[in-house]
């Protein structure tokens, strides 16, 4: 068995076609299975980091103390 991780832009015609093909094949056959991964990051944490970056004009991270440097 081979596993691929792909990102499909559902806003394009090709992306829609490929996604439809994969979903219909997976529902009709056991040859393909779809595994959806969720982000391991807390959405509130991601929001906080992105807002901080916008406010500061970027984030300068101290590698020795990453968590404290992004506040």
C-alpha atoms as a PDB file:
ATOM      1  CA  UNK A   1       0.000   0.000   0.000  1.00  0.00           C
ATOM      2  CA  UNK A   2       1.217   3.494  -0.840  1.00  0.00           C
ATOM      3  CA  UNK A   3       0.158   6.630   1.027  1.00  0.00           C
ATOM      4  CA  UNK A   4       0.078  10.088  -0.544  1.00  0.00           C
ATOM      5  CA  UNK A   5      -0.570  13.398   1.151  1.00  0.00           C
ATOM      6  CA  UNK A   6      -1.992  15.906  -1.294  1.00  0.00           C
ATOM      7  CA  UNK A   7      -3.432  19.381  -1.096  1.00  0.00           C
ATOM      8  CA  UNK A   8      -6.237  20.043  -3.563  1.00  0.00           C
ATOM      9  CA  UNK A   9      -7.389  23.546  -4.409  1.00  0.00           C
ATOM     10  CA  UNK A  10     -11.152  22.996  -4.525  1.00  0.00           C
ATOM     11  CA  UNK A  11     -11.641  26.422  -6.117  1.00  0.00           C
ATOM     12  CA  UNK A  12     -10.157  25.327  -9.458  1.00  0.00           C
ATOM     13  CA  UNK A  13     -11.804  23.166 -12.110  1.00  0.00           C
ATOM     14  CA  UNK A  14      -8.979  20.643 -12.008  1.00  0.00           C
ATOM     15  CA  UNK A  15      -9.024  20.520  -8.208  1.00  0.00           C
ATOM     16  CA  UNK A  16     -12.781  19.891  -8.185  1.00  0.00           C
ATOM     17  CA  UNK A  17     -12.453  17.177 -10.825  1.00  0.00           C
ATOM     18  CA  UNK A  18      -9.658  15.356  -8.994  1.00  0.00           C
ATOM     19  CA  UNK A  19     -11.469  15.573  -5.664  1.00  0.00           C
ATOM     20  CA  UNK A  20     -14.702  14.277  -7.225  1.00  0.00           C
ATOM     21  CA  UNK A  21     -12.796  11.417  -8.853  1.00  0.00           C
ATOM     22  CA  UNK A  22     -11.102  10.415  -5.601  1.00  0.00           C
ATOM     23  CA  UNK A  23     -14.277  10.676  -3.514  1.00  0.00           C
ATOM     24  CA  UNK A  24     -16.413   8.718  -5.978  1.00  0.00           C
ATOM     25  CA  UNK A  25     -13.756   6.024  -6.364  1.00  0.00           C
ATOM     26  CA  UNK A  26     -13.327   5.721  -2.601  1.00  0.00           C
ATOM     27  CA  UNK A  27     -17.081   5.340  -2.096  1.00  0.00           C
ATOM     28  CA  UNK A  28     -17.415   2.668  -4.806  1.00  0.00           C
ATOM     29  CA  UNK A  29     -14.259   0.638  -4.231  1.00  0.00           C
ATOM     30  CA  UNK A  30     -11.985  -0.536  -1.446  1.00  0.00           C
ATOM     31  CA  UNK A  31      -8.963   0.166  -3.653  1.00  0.00           C
ATOM     32  CA  UNK A  32      -8.773   3.745  -2.334  1.00  0.00           C
ATOM     33  CA  UNK A  33      -9.491   5.058   1.136  1.00  0.00           C
ATOM     34  CA  UNK A  34      -9.638   8.695   2.155  1.00  0.00           C
ATOM     35  CA  UNK A  35      -8.025   9.667   5.457  1.00  0.00           C
ATOM     36  CA  UNK A  36      -8.599  13.255   6.542  1.00  0.00           C
ATOM     37  CA  UNK A  37      -6.063  14.683   8.942  1.00  0.00           C
ATOM     38  CA  UNK A  38      -6.937  17.483  11.273  1.00  0.00           C
ATOM     39  CA  UNK A  39      -4.409  20.085  12.276  1.00  0.00           C
ATOM     40  CA  UNK A  40      -2.605  19.202  15.515  1.00  0.00           C
ATOM     41  CA  UNK A  41      -2.659  22.875  16.497  1.00  0.00           C
ATOM     42  CA  UNK A  42      -5.309  24.508  18.641  1.00  0.00           C
ATOM     43  CA  UNK A  43      -7.198  26.997  16.424  1.00  0.00           C
ATOM     44  CA  UNK A  44      -7.129  29.625  19.199  1.00  0.00           C
ATOM     45  CA  UNK A  45      -3.344  29.300  19.449  1.00  0.00           C
ATOM     46  CA  UNK A  46      -2.949  29.711  15.683  1.00  0.00           C
ATOM     47  CA  UNK A  47      -5.211  32.774  15.774  1.00  0.00           C
ATOM     48  CA  UNK A  48      -3.155  34.291  18.607  1.00  0.00           C
ATOM     49  CA  UNK A  49       0.130  33.778  16.740  1.00  0.00           C
ATOM     50  CA  UNK A  50      -1.210  35.215  13.481  1.00  0.00           C
ATOM     51  CA  UNK A  51      -2.725  38.261  15.208  1.00  0.00           C
ATOM     52  CA  UNK A  52       0.517  38.879  17.071  1.00  0.00           C
ATOM     53  CA  UNK A  53       2.460  38.689  13.802  1.00  0.00           C
ATOM     54  CA  UNK A  54       0.131  41.217  12.150  1.00  0.00           C
ATOM     55  CA  UNK A  55       0.340  43.632  15.084  1.00  0.00           C
ATOM     56  CA  UNK A  56       4.113  43.495  15.356  1.00  0.00           C
ATOM     57  CA  UNK A  57       4.771  43.413  11.619  1.00  0.00           C
ATOM     58  CA  UNK A  58       6.312  39.978  11.981  1.00  0.00           C
ATOM     59  CA  UNK A  59       7.565  37.744  14.749  1.00  0.00           C
ATOM     60  CA  UNK A  60      11.152  37.510  15.899  1.00  0.00           C
ATOM     61  CA  UNK A  61      11.583  34.182  17.647  1.00  0.00           C
ATOM     62  CA  UNK A  62      14.300  33.440  20.185  1.00  0.00           C
ATOM     63  CA  UNK A  63      15.229  29.770  19.535  1.00  0.00           C
ATOM     64  CA  UNK A  64      16.220  29.242  23.146  1.00  0.00           C
ATOM     65  CA  UNK A  65      12.784  30.328  24.401  1.00  0.00           C
ATOM     66  CA  UNK A  66      10.239  29.986  21.576  1.00  0.00           C
ATOM     67  CA  UNK A  67       7.032  30.176  23.622  1.00  0.00           C
ATOM     68  CA  UNK A  68       7.969  33.303  25.526  1.00  0.00           C
ATOM     69  CA  UNK A  69       9.199  35.104  22.417  1.00  0.00           C
ATOM     70  CA  UNK A  70       5.860  34.886  20.567  1.00  0.00           C
ATOM     71  CA  UNK A  71       3.785  36.627  23.238  1.00  0.00           C
END
